[in-house]
N, C-alpha and C. Protein backbone atom coordinates (compact mmCIF):
# COMPACT_ATOMS: atom_id res chain seq x y z
N MET A 1 0.82 -1.26 -0.07
CA MET A 1 -0.02 0.03 -0.22
C MET A 1 0.87 0.87 0.15
N ALA A 2 0.57 2.15 -0.56
CA ALA A 2 1.39 3.42 -0.76
C ALA A 2 1.25 4.36 0.71
N ARG A 3 2.51 5.01 0.89
CA ARG A 3 2.90 5.82 1.84
C ARG A 3 1.69 7.15 1.72
N ARG A 4 1.33 7.84 2.80
CA ARG A 4 0.54 8.85 2.87
C ARG A 4 1.54 9.93 3.59
N PHE A 5 1.57 10.90 2.52
CA PHE A 5 2.28 12.04 3.00
C PHE A 5 1.56 13.20 3.27
N GLN A 6 2.09 14.24 4.45
CA GLN A 6 1.40 15.10 5.01
C GLN A 6 1.89 16.16 4.02
N THR A 7 0.72 16.98 3.76
CA THR A 7 0.75 18.53 2.92
C THR A 7 0.66 19.73 3.84
N ARG A 8 0.72 19.38 5.26
CA ARG A 8 0.34 20.57 5.98
C ARG A 8 1.27 21.11 6.41
N GLY A 9 2.58 20.94 6.18
CA GLY A 9 3.67 21.58 6.33
C GLY A 9 4.27 22.45 4.88
N ILE A 10 3.71 22.16 3.90
CA ILE A 10 3.77 22.49 2.47
C ILE A 10 3.02 24.05 2.51
N SER A 11 3.82 25.05 2.00
CA SER A 11 2.72 26.12 1.98
C SER A 11 2.78 26.40 0.29
N LYS A 12 1.28 26.88 0.12
CA LYS A 12 1.15 26.89 -1.40
C LYS A 12 1.29 27.66 -2.24
N ASP A 13 1.81 28.80 -1.73
CA ASP A 13 2.70 30.45 -2.34
C ASP A 13 4.12 30.25 -2.06
N ARG A 14 4.36 29.66 -1.79
CA ARG A 14 5.95 29.08 -1.66
C ARG A 14 6.58 28.28 -2.97
N VAL A 15 7.78 28.86 -3.21
CA VAL A 15 8.62 27.91 -4.30
C VAL A 15 9.52 27.36 -3.13
N TYR A 16 9.87 25.92 -3.68
CA TYR A 16 10.80 25.17 -3.01
C TYR A 16 11.87 24.91 -3.92
N THR A 17 13.04 24.28 -3.24
CA THR A 17 14.34 23.43 -4.30
C THR A 17 13.80 22.20 -4.28
N ILE A 18 14.69 21.47 -4.62
CA ILE A 18 14.24 20.00 -4.72
C ILE A 18 14.39 19.33 -3.39
N LYS A 19 15.47 20.01 -2.69
CA LYS A 19 16.32 19.48 -1.82
C LYS A 19 15.10 19.71 -0.40
N MET A 20 14.81 20.92 -0.24
CA MET A 20 13.82 21.70 0.60
C MET A 20 12.25 20.92 0.89
N ALA A 21 12.04 20.87 -0.14
CA ALA A 21 10.99 19.81 -0.70
C ALA A 21 10.70 18.87 -0.08
N ALA A 22 11.73 18.04 -0.64
CA ALA A 22 12.26 16.55 -0.23
C ALA A 22 12.20 16.32 1.59
N ARG A 23 13.05 17.30 1.93
CA ARG A 23 13.18 17.33 3.62
C ARG A 23 11.57 17.54 4.12
N THR A 24 10.61 18.84 3.73
CA THR A 24 9.47 19.25 4.30
C THR A 24 8.60 17.92 4.18
N VAL A 25 8.74 16.93 2.94
CA VAL A 25 7.78 15.98 2.76
C VAL A 25 8.23 14.91 3.61
N GLY A 26 9.35 14.18 3.84
CA GLY A 26 10.01 13.56 4.21
C GLY A 26 10.38 12.27 3.35
N VAL A 27 10.74 12.71 2.17
CA VAL A 27 11.49 11.34 1.58
C VAL A 27 12.82 11.72 0.87
N SER A 28 13.34 11.33 0.02
CA SER A 28 14.58 11.36 -0.42
C SER A 28 14.55 11.99 -1.68
N GLU A 29 15.90 13.00 -2.32
CA GLU A 29 15.69 13.70 -3.46
C GLU A 29 15.50 12.68 -4.79
N GLN A 30 15.74 11.55 -4.56
CA GLN A 30 15.81 10.76 -5.77
C GLN A 30 14.01 10.43 -6.07
N THR A 31 13.39 10.21 -5.01
CA THR A 31 12.13 9.97 -5.07
C THR A 31 11.52 11.34 -5.74
N PHE A 32 12.20 12.45 -5.41
CA PHE A 32 11.42 13.29 -6.14
C PHE A 32 11.42 13.53 -7.29
N ARG A 33 12.80 12.85 -7.59
CA ARG A 33 12.99 13.18 -9.46
C ARG A 33 12.39 11.78 -9.65
N GLN A 34 11.69 10.91 -9.15
CA GLN A 34 10.88 9.96 -9.72
C GLN A 34 9.45 10.14 -9.47
N TRP A 35 9.12 11.26 -8.72
CA TRP A 35 8.01 11.89 -8.99
C TRP A 35 7.80 12.73 -10.18
N HIS A 36 9.04 13.44 -10.76
CA HIS A 36 8.68 14.68 -11.82
C HIS A 36 8.40 13.35 -13.24
N LYS A 37 9.09 12.25 -13.20
CA LYS A 37 8.87 11.49 -13.91
C LYS A 37 7.53 10.94 -14.14
N ASP A 38 6.82 10.87 -12.80
CA ASP A 38 5.55 10.26 -12.53
C ASP A 38 4.33 11.49 -12.87
N GLY A 39 4.74 12.70 -12.94
CA GLY A 39 3.87 13.71 -13.47
C GLY A 39 4.11 15.11 -12.83
N LEU A 40 4.76 15.15 -11.54
CA LEU A 40 5.02 16.52 -10.58
C LEU A 40 5.84 17.71 -11.51
N HIS A 41 5.08 18.65 -11.40
CA HIS A 41 5.62 19.67 -12.30
C HIS A 41 6.67 20.14 -11.47
N LEU A 42 7.83 20.55 -12.42
CA LEU A 42 9.26 21.38 -11.51
C LEU A 42 9.57 22.05 -12.46
N ILE A 43 9.89 23.21 -12.21
CA ILE A 43 10.29 24.67 -12.67
C ILE A 43 12.02 24.68 -13.38
N SER A 44 12.12 23.53 -14.42
CA SER A 44 13.48 23.38 -14.43
C SER A 44 14.13 24.13 -15.65
N ASP A 45 13.69 25.48 -16.15
CA ASP A 45 14.46 26.39 -16.76
C ASP A 45 15.92 26.79 -16.47
N LYS A 46 16.30 26.93 -15.33
CA LYS A 46 17.24 26.82 -14.81
C LYS A 46 17.58 26.48 -13.50
N ARG A 47 18.86 25.83 -13.04
CA ARG A 47 19.38 25.52 -11.82
C ARG A 47 19.29 26.61 -10.47
N PRO A 48 19.13 25.97 -9.48
CA PRO A 48 18.69 25.09 -9.14
C PRO A 48 16.87 24.68 -9.67
N TYR A 49 16.62 22.96 -9.89
CA TYR A 49 15.10 22.84 -10.00
C TYR A 49 14.26 23.40 -8.89
N LEU A 50 12.72 23.71 -9.10
CA LEU A 50 12.14 24.47 -8.43
C LEU A 50 10.75 23.57 -8.36
N VAL A 51 10.04 23.65 -6.98
CA VAL A 51 8.84 23.29 -7.18
C VAL A 51 7.80 24.05 -6.47
N ARG A 52 6.93 24.15 -7.35
CA ARG A 52 6.01 25.21 -6.69
C ARG A 52 4.84 24.65 -5.80
N GLY A 53 4.58 25.20 -4.22
CA GLY A 53 3.96 24.25 -3.34
C GLY A 53 2.46 23.96 -3.49
N ALA A 54 2.02 24.85 -4.48
CA ALA A 54 0.59 24.47 -4.72
C ALA A 54 0.33 23.09 -5.82
N ASP A 55 1.45 23.08 -6.80
CA ASP A 55 1.38 22.05 -7.34
C ASP A 55 2.26 20.58 -6.54
N LEU A 56 2.87 21.18 -5.74
CA LEU A 56 3.26 19.49 -5.12
C LEU A 56 2.03 19.05 -4.16
N ILE A 57 1.13 20.12 -3.45
CA ILE A 57 0.13 19.77 -2.74
C ILE A 57 -0.83 18.60 -3.93
N ASP A 58 -1.19 19.69 -5.08
CA ASP A 58 -2.12 18.89 -6.24
C ASP A 58 -1.55 17.31 -6.22
N PHE A 59 -0.38 17.17 -6.56
CA PHE A 59 0.54 15.81 -7.08
C PHE A 59 0.09 15.00 -5.95
N LEU A 60 0.28 15.11 -4.46
CA LEU A 60 0.27 14.49 -3.41
C LEU A 60 -1.50 14.06 -3.09
N LYS A 61 -2.24 15.05 -3.21
CA LYS A 61 -3.31 14.91 -3.40
C LYS A 61 -4.26 13.89 -4.36
N LYS A 62 -3.87 13.95 -5.56
CA LYS A 62 -3.60 12.92 -6.53
C LYS A 62 -3.50 11.52 -6.68
N ARG A 63 -2.05 11.71 -5.92
CA ARG A 63 -1.63 10.46 -5.59
C ARG A 63 -2.53 9.46 -4.55
N GLU A 64 -2.93 10.43 -3.75
CA GLU A 64 -3.61 9.62 -2.42
C GLU A 64 -4.78 9.14 -2.61
N LYS A 65 -5.33 10.00 -3.70
CA LYS A 65 -6.65 9.88 -4.46
C LYS A 65 -6.76 8.45 -5.22
N ALA A 66 -6.05 8.25 -5.90
CA ALA A 66 -5.66 7.24 -7.02
C ALA A 66 -5.37 5.84 -6.03
N ASN A 67 -4.87 5.93 -4.83
CA ASN A 67 -4.79 4.80 -4.46
C ASN A 67 -5.79 4.33 -3.08
N LYS A 68 -6.90 5.14 -3.31
CA LYS A 68 -8.01 5.02 -2.39
C LYS A 68 -8.75 3.59 -2.95
N VAL A 69 -9.13 2.64 -2.05
CA VAL A 69 -9.84 1.68 -2.82
C VAL A 69 -11.76 1.48 -2.17
N PRO A 70 -12.23 1.46 -2.91
CA PRO A 70 -13.89 1.99 -2.71
C PRO A 70 -14.47 0.51 -1.85
N MET A 71 -15.17 0.37 -0.64
CA MET A 71 -15.74 -1.02 -0.32
C MET A 71 -16.87 -0.41 -0.12
N CYS A 72 -18.06 -1.44 -0.34
CA CYS A 72 -19.15 -1.51 0.06
C CYS A 72 -19.10 -1.96 1.57
N LYS A 73 -20.65 -1.50 2.07
CA LYS A 73 -20.60 -1.54 3.72
C LYS A 73 -20.27 -3.32 4.21
N GLY A 74 -19.97 -3.41 5.23
CA GLY A 74 -19.42 -4.64 5.96
C GLY A 74 -18.38 -5.23 5.12
N GLN A 75 -17.52 -4.35 4.31
CA GLN A 75 -16.31 -5.27 3.69
C GLN A 75 -15.33 -5.15 4.54
N PHE A 76 -13.96 -5.52 4.23
CA PHE A 76 -12.87 -5.47 4.55
C PHE A 76 -11.48 -5.30 3.41
N PHE A 77 -10.91 -4.35 3.78
CA PHE A 77 -9.92 -4.93 2.70
C PHE A 77 -8.60 -6.07 3.19
N CYS A 78 -8.61 -6.95 2.12
CA CYS A 78 -7.64 -7.94 1.97
C CYS A 78 -6.31 -7.48 1.76
N MET A 79 -5.40 -7.76 2.69
CA MET A 79 -3.73 -7.32 2.33
C MET A 79 -3.36 -8.36 1.34
N ALA A 80 -3.59 -9.70 1.63
CA ALA A 80 -3.34 -10.67 0.81
C ALA A 80 -3.79 -10.64 -0.57
N CYS A 81 -5.14 -10.41 -0.67
CA CYS A 81 -5.89 -10.23 -2.29
C CYS A 81 -5.79 -8.70 -2.52
N LYS A 82 -5.27 -7.74 -2.10
CA LYS A 82 -5.25 -6.48 -2.47
C LYS A 82 -6.64 -5.94 -2.94
N ALA A 83 -7.74 -6.24 -2.32
CA ALA A 83 -8.92 -6.06 -2.49
C ALA A 83 -9.75 -5.88 -1.88
N PRO A 84 -11.08 -5.05 -1.84
CA PRO A 84 -12.10 -5.57 -0.67
C PRO A 84 -12.85 -6.71 -0.87
N ARG A 85 -13.18 -7.73 0.10
CA ARG A 85 -13.52 -8.46 0.37
C ARG A 85 -14.18 -8.67 1.69
N ASP A 86 -15.18 -9.79 1.37
CA ASP A 86 -16.13 -10.19 2.61
C ASP A 86 -15.79 -10.93 3.45
N ALA A 87 -15.83 -10.95 4.66
CA ALA A 87 -15.29 -11.93 5.86
C ALA A 87 -16.22 -12.92 5.72
N ARG A 88 -15.15 -14.18 5.89
CA ARG A 88 -15.67 -15.28 6.10
C ARG A 88 -17.20 -15.53 7.13
N LYS A 89 -18.02 -16.60 6.82
CA LYS A 89 -18.95 -16.15 7.72
C LYS A 89 -18.66 -16.94 9.12
N GLY A 90 -19.11 -16.04 10.28
CA GLY A 90 -18.79 -16.51 11.65
C GLY A 90 -17.01 -16.37 12.16
N SER A 91 -16.21 -15.61 11.14
CA SER A 91 -15.03 -15.56 11.62
C SER A 91 -14.77 -14.44 12.24
N ILE A 92 -15.82 -13.11 12.32
CA ILE A 92 -15.29 -11.66 12.84
C ILE A 92 -15.58 -11.81 14.36
N THR A 93 -14.49 -11.31 14.58
CA THR A 93 -14.32 -11.09 16.37
C THR A 93 -13.89 -9.64 16.46
N TYR A 94 -14.93 -9.20 17.78
CA TYR A 94 -14.77 -7.73 18.20
C TYR A 94 -13.95 -7.49 19.37
N SER A 95 -12.74 -6.52 19.66
CA SER A 95 -11.94 -6.40 20.72
C SER A 95 -12.46 -4.93 20.91
N ALA A 96 -12.91 -4.71 22.36
CA ALA A 96 -12.97 -3.31 22.22
C ALA A 96 -11.24 -3.17 22.79
N THR A 97 -11.34 -1.46 22.65
CA THR A 97 -10.11 -1.04 22.57
C THR A 97 -10.25 0.64 23.76
N THR A 98 -11.45 1.08 23.59
CA THR A 98 -11.99 2.15 24.52
C THR A 98 -13.72 1.83 24.77
N ALA A 99 -14.04 2.79 25.46
CA ALA A 99 -15.81 2.12 25.60
C ALA A 99 -16.52 2.43 24.19
N LEU A 100 -16.01 3.71 23.23
CA LEU A 100 -16.69 3.83 21.81
C LEU A 100 -16.09 3.32 20.88
N THR A 101 -14.99 2.34 20.99
CA THR A 101 -13.90 2.01 19.68
C THR A 101 -13.58 0.65 19.87
N GLY A 102 -13.15 -0.27 18.99
CA GLY A 102 -12.90 -1.49 19.02
C GLY A 102 -12.26 -1.94 17.64
N ARG A 103 -11.88 -3.00 17.75
CA ARG A 103 -11.30 -3.70 16.24
C ARG A 103 -12.02 -4.80 16.01
N LEU A 104 -12.17 -5.14 14.86
CA LEU A 104 -12.95 -6.01 14.17
C LEU A 104 -11.73 -6.84 13.85
N SER A 105 -11.74 -8.25 13.84
CA SER A 105 -10.66 -9.03 12.89
C SER A 105 -11.41 -10.39 12.77
N GLY A 106 -11.22 -10.81 11.33
CA GLY A 106 -11.71 -11.88 11.06
C GLY A 106 -11.15 -12.74 9.63
N LEU A 107 -11.65 -13.52 8.69
CA LEU A 107 -10.87 -14.09 7.96
C LEU A 107 -11.43 -14.14 6.73
N CYS A 108 -10.43 -13.83 5.53
CA CYS A 108 -11.43 -13.40 4.24
C CYS A 108 -11.76 -14.51 3.61
N ALA A 109 -13.29 -14.30 2.76
CA ALA A 109 -13.99 -15.40 2.36
C ALA A 109 -12.95 -16.39 0.94
N VAL A 110 -12.22 -15.41 0.64
CA VAL A 110 -11.95 -15.77 -0.58
C VAL A 110 -10.12 -16.96 -0.49
N CYS A 111 -9.37 -16.01 0.39
CA CYS A 111 -7.87 -16.58 0.48
C CYS A 111 -7.75 -17.08 2.06
N GLY A 112 -8.43 -16.59 2.88
CA GLY A 112 -8.73 -17.00 4.30
C GLY A 112 -7.36 -16.21 4.85
N GLY A 113 -6.70 -14.70 4.08
CA GLY A 113 -6.17 -14.45 5.00
C GLY A 113 -6.65 -13.33 5.89
N LYS A 114 -5.71 -12.87 6.65
CA LYS A 114 -6.91 -12.16 8.10
C LYS A 114 -6.82 -10.59 7.24
N LEU A 115 -8.23 -9.91 8.33
CA LEU A 115 -8.66 -8.89 7.59
C LEU A 115 -8.87 -8.46 9.33
N GLY A 116 -8.63 -6.91 8.90
CA GLY A 116 -8.91 -6.19 10.76
C GLY A 116 -9.09 -4.66 10.33
N GLN A 117 -9.94 -4.43 11.09
CA GLN A 117 -10.17 -2.81 10.97
C GLN A 117 -10.81 -2.45 12.19
N PHE A 118 -10.41 -0.85 12.37
CA PHE A 118 -10.97 -0.34 13.58
C PHE A 118 -12.15 -0.01 13.33
N CYS A 119 -12.95 0.38 14.28
CA CYS A 119 -14.34 1.07 14.07
C CYS A 119 -15.11 1.30 15.04
N ARG A 120 -15.92 1.87 15.36
CA ARG A 120 -17.19 2.17 16.81
C ARG A 120 -17.81 1.31 16.99
N ALA A 121 -17.79 0.68 18.23
CA ALA A 121 -18.77 0.04 18.84
C ALA A 121 -20.05 -0.51 18.18
N ALA A 122 -20.69 1.05 18.10
CA ALA A 122 -22.25 0.81 17.63
C ALA A 122 -22.06 0.85 16.22
N SER A 123 -21.07 0.88 14.86
CA SER A 123 -21.28 0.38 13.97
C SER A 123 -20.30 -1.32 13.66
N SER A 124 -20.38 -1.57 14.81
CA SER A 124 -19.57 -3.23 14.80
C SER A 124 -20.84 -4.07 14.02
N SER A 125 -21.90 -4.07 14.25
CA SER A 125 -22.91 -4.98 14.08
C SER A 125 -23.29 -4.78 12.65
N ASP A 126 -22.87 -4.19 11.93
CA ASP A 126 -22.82 -3.74 10.29
C ASP A 126 -22.02 -4.64 9.68
N PHE A 127 -21.21 -5.49 10.42
CA PHE A 127 -19.99 -6.02 9.68
C PHE A 127 -20.27 -7.38 10.34
N MET A 128 -20.74 -7.63 11.50
CA MET A 128 -21.17 -9.48 12.09
C MET A 128 -22.18 -10.06 11.44
N ILE A 129 -22.31 -10.55 10.41
CA ILE A 129 -23.62 -10.84 9.54
C ILE A 129 -23.39 -12.34 10.37
N GLY A 130 -24.43 -12.26 11.05
CA GLY A 130 -25.13 -13.88 11.88
C GLY A 130 -24.18 -13.92 12.67
N ASP A 131 -23.55 -12.95 13.20
CA ASP A 131 -22.43 -13.47 14.78
C ASP A 131 -23.55 -12.38 15.65
N ALA A 132 -22.96 -12.73 16.62
CA ALA A 132 -23.56 -12.15 17.83
C ALA A 132 -22.53 -10.76 17.83
N ALA A 133 -23.67 -9.55 18.30
CA ALA A 133 -23.10 -7.97 17.87
C ALA A 133 -22.08 -7.86 19.71
N PRO A 134 -21.03 -6.98 19.86
CA PRO A 134 -20.49 -7.02 21.03
C PRO A 134 -21.71 -6.33 21.97
N PRO A 135 -21.55 -6.59 23.28
CA PRO A 135 -22.46 -5.79 24.15
C PRO A 135 -22.64 -4.36 24.12
N SER A 136 -21.53 -3.83 24.03
CA SER A 136 -21.90 -2.33 23.95
C SER A 136 -21.81 -1.51 22.66
N ALA A 137 -22.21 -2.31 21.64
CA ALA A 137 -22.94 -1.93 20.48
C ALA A 137 -24.31 -1.72 20.76
N GLY A 138 -24.70 -2.58 21.35
CA GLY A 138 -26.53 -2.82 22.03
C GLY A 138 -26.92 -1.63 22.42
N ALA A 139 -25.82 -1.37 23.32
CA ALA A 139 -26.28 -0.36 24.49
C ALA A 139 -26.02 0.83 23.74
N GLN A 140 -25.21 1.11 22.92
CA GLN A 140 -25.22 2.64 22.05
C GLN A 140 -26.03 2.71 21.25
N ALA A 141 -27.03 1.73 20.17
CA ALA A 141 -27.71 1.96 19.30
C ALA A 141 -29.31 2.41 20.04
């Protein structure tokens, strides 16, 4: 799965050198040069090459949007299949992490790999098809 990069430290009104931008985003300069090949617009009229903050923010947001996988209600993302999958019937377990949230775990219906997802206790019953909902979910709903 692709890494997510924070855009909060980047000013859209500022112009960065490759070295400064790479340090701000937290990647190497070589990664930045690869991003230029992948579509990041650089000002390359003369050296040092520059990148506009607005262009960098747009590039990173488009990259993150392209990596998102839409899932239907009650599905998990299987790391083995690299696709949204339903859980095997009866394999989902819920373990509370706080009073309001918890973690759902189960097995993929296709490959048998592990599935996991954090969720609110109140919405955990949406995932538990045919299984008993956790006690805190019934009290919240």
